[in-house]
Amino acid sequence: LTQQTAVLQMLIESVIIDDKELEEGTKQEVQTLICAFIHKMVTSEPLLIKLICFQTFPVSIIPVLVEGIPSLHITMDYIEELLQQKNGQQIVFAFHLATSLIENYPLQKSLVIAKNLLSFLRSFSVISTKESTL
């Protein structure tokens, strides 16, 4: 599982194509192939994507991945858990992932996640307000 996770992490990060010499159509084709391969990996071993989400990856590629990997909708199940982490990077990652999932998957579960995000923000702002008055 460790090797598969490392491979998946490298594939995810390879979706960022900064090569100026590649044409836009070629970049999209490469991204599509990478996303299709990641989709196969995730469907055969769903735990992989959970591990990757907790390790996080660049938030700039979340929209590309959510759009290109249909099986990524299963990460909706991990948003609440990510928000409970002490690591700020994981919390920010969870917000970016959640908003992209909500945009791409207008499901009842998306509404629940959106409400949880708002509730989290409200509780965070209450804590921040209390701390600033101390």
Protein backbone atom coordinates (compact mmCIF):
# COMPACT_ATOMS: atom_id res chain seq x y z
CA LEU A 1 0.00 0.00 0.00
CA THR A 2 2.90 2.36 0.75
CA GLN A 3 4.34 1.97 -2.75
CA GLN A 4 0.93 2.45 -4.34
CA THR A 5 0.40 5.60 -2.29
CA ALA A 6 3.77 6.97 -3.39
CA VAL A 7 2.96 6.22 -7.03
CA LEU A 8 -0.44 7.85 -6.68
CA GLN A 9 1.07 10.94 -5.06
CA MET A 10 3.56 11.27 -7.95
CA LEU A 11 0.80 10.82 -10.52
CA ILE A 12 -1.35 13.46 -8.85
CA GLU A 13 1.51 15.93 -8.79
CA SER A 14 2.34 15.15 -12.43
CA VAL A 15 -1.07 16.54 -13.42
CA ILE A 16 0.55 19.98 -13.03
CA ILE A 17 2.10 20.48 -16.43
CA ASP A 18 4.17 23.65 -16.61
CA ASP A 19 5.98 22.80 -19.82
CA LYS A 20 5.59 25.88 -22.01
CA GLU A 21 6.58 23.91 -25.10
CA LEU A 22 3.56 21.59 -24.93
CA GLU A 23 0.42 22.65 -26.73
CA GLU A 24 -2.71 23.10 -24.61
CA GLY A 25 -4.45 20.14 -26.30
CA THR A 26 -1.49 17.90 -25.51
CA LYS A 27 -1.50 18.99 -21.86
CA GLN A 28 -5.19 18.17 -21.56
CA GLU A 29 -4.66 14.79 -23.22
CA VAL A 30 -1.87 13.93 -20.77
CA GLN A 31 -4.01 15.07 -17.82
CA THR A 32 -6.91 12.95 -19.08
CA LEU A 33 -4.70 9.85 -19.30
CA ILE A 34 -3.26 10.43 -15.83
CA CYS A 35 -6.74 10.95 -14.37
CA ALA A 36 -8.02 7.76 -16.03
CA PHE A 37 -5.13 5.78 -14.54
CA ILE A 38 -5.68 7.30 -11.09
CA HIS A 39 -9.38 6.45 -11.37
CA LYS A 40 -8.47 2.79 -11.99
CA MET A 41 -6.14 2.79 -8.99
CA VAL A 42 -8.76 4.34 -6.72
CA THR A 43 -11.55 2.00 -7.80
CA SER A 44 -9.34 -1.03 -7.18
CA GLU A 45 -8.12 0.27 -3.78
CA PRO A 46 -10.31 3.09 -2.37
CA LEU A 47 -8.17 3.46 0.77
CA LEU A 48 -5.40 4.93 -1.40
CA ILE A 49 -7.25 8.17 -2.01
CA LYS A 50 -8.00 8.59 1.68
CA LEU A 51 -4.31 8.27 2.50
CA ILE A 52 -3.43 10.77 -0.22
CA CYS A 53 -6.05 13.24 1.03
CA PHE A 54 -4.58 13.14 4.52
CA GLN A 55 -1.10 13.67 3.08
CA THR A 56 -2.60 16.47 0.96
CA PHE A 57 -1.39 17.68 -2.42
CA PRO A 58 -1.31 21.06 -4.17
CA VAL A 59 -4.80 22.59 -3.96
CA SER A 60 -4.35 24.12 -7.41
CA ILE A 61 -4.90 20.72 -9.02
CA ILE A 62 -7.99 19.74 -7.03
CA PRO A 63 -10.48 21.06 -9.66
CA VAL A 64 -8.70 19.16 -12.46
CA LEU A 65 -8.69 15.96 -10.41
CA VAL A 66 -12.30 16.21 -9.23
CA GLU A 67 -13.44 16.82 -12.78
CA GLY A 68 -11.22 14.14 -14.32
CA ILE A 69 -11.51 11.34 -11.76
CA PRO A 70 -15.12 10.21 -11.27
CA SER A 71 -14.25 8.02 -8.28
CA LEU A 72 -12.98 11.04 -6.36
CA HIS A 73 -16.52 11.63 -5.11
CA ILE A 74 -15.74 9.08 -2.38
CA THR A 75 -13.55 11.72 -0.74
CA MET A 76 -16.76 13.39 0.42
CA ASP A 77 -16.69 10.79 3.18
CA TYR A 78 -13.37 12.17 4.48
CA ILE A 79 -14.10 15.91 4.57
CA GLU A 80 -15.43 15.91 8.13
CA GLU A 81 -12.45 13.92 9.34
CA LEU A 82 -10.01 16.25 7.56
CA LEU A 83 -11.66 19.27 9.18
CA GLN A 84 -11.07 17.75 12.62
CA GLN A 85 -7.30 17.58 12.13
CA LYS A 86 -4.99 19.91 14.03
CA ASN A 87 -2.90 20.55 10.92
CA GLY A 88 -3.96 23.81 9.26
CA GLN A 89 -2.76 22.57 5.87
CA GLN A 90 -5.17 19.64 6.04
CA ILE A 91 -8.05 21.95 7.00
CA VAL A 92 -7.36 24.32 4.11
CA PHE A 93 -7.02 21.30 1.81
CA ALA A 94 -10.38 19.99 3.07
CA PHE A 95 -12.08 23.29 2.23
CA HIS A 96 -10.66 23.36 -1.29
CA LEU A 97 -11.55 19.73 -1.89
CA ALA A 98 -15.04 20.14 -0.45
CA THR A 99 -15.87 23.21 -2.54
CA SER A 100 -14.73 21.50 -5.71
CA LEU A 101 -16.73 18.37 -4.87
CA ILE A 102 -19.82 20.44 -4.06
CA GLU A 103 -19.56 22.24 -7.42
CA ASN A 104 -19.15 19.00 -9.38
CA TYR A 105 -21.55 16.75 -7.47
CA PRO A 106 -24.84 18.48 -6.65
CA LEU A 107 -26.03 15.73 -4.32
CA GLN A 108 -27.79 15.69 -0.97
CA LYS A 109 -24.44 14.78 0.56
CA SER A 110 -22.96 17.96 -0.96
CA LEU A 111 -25.56 20.03 0.87
CA VAL A 112 -24.65 18.34 4.15
CA ILE A 113 -20.96 19.02 3.53
CA ALA A 114 -21.67 22.67 2.70
CA LYS A 115 -23.63 23.06 5.95
CA ASN A 116 -20.77 21.43 7.88
CA LEU A 117 -18.27 23.82 6.28
CA LEU A 118 -20.37 26.83 7.25
CA SER A 119 -20.78 25.49 10.76
CA PHE A 120 -17.03 24.96 11.00
CA LEU A 121 -16.38 28.52 9.83
CA ARG A 122 -18.86 29.90 12.36
CA SER A 123 -17.27 27.97 15.22
CA PHE A 124 -13.81 29.02 14.07
CA SER A 125 -14.81 32.68 13.96
CA VAL A 126 -16.36 32.42 17.45
CA ILE A 127 -13.12 30.92 18.78
CA SER A 128 -11.04 33.61 17.05
CA THR A 129 -13.28 36.36 18.44
CA LYS A 130 -13.02 34.97 21.98
CA GLU A 131 -9.24 34.68 21.71
CA SER A 132 -8.88 38.26 20.48
CA THR A 133 -10.89 39.62 23.42
CA LEU A 134 -8.70 37.87 25.99
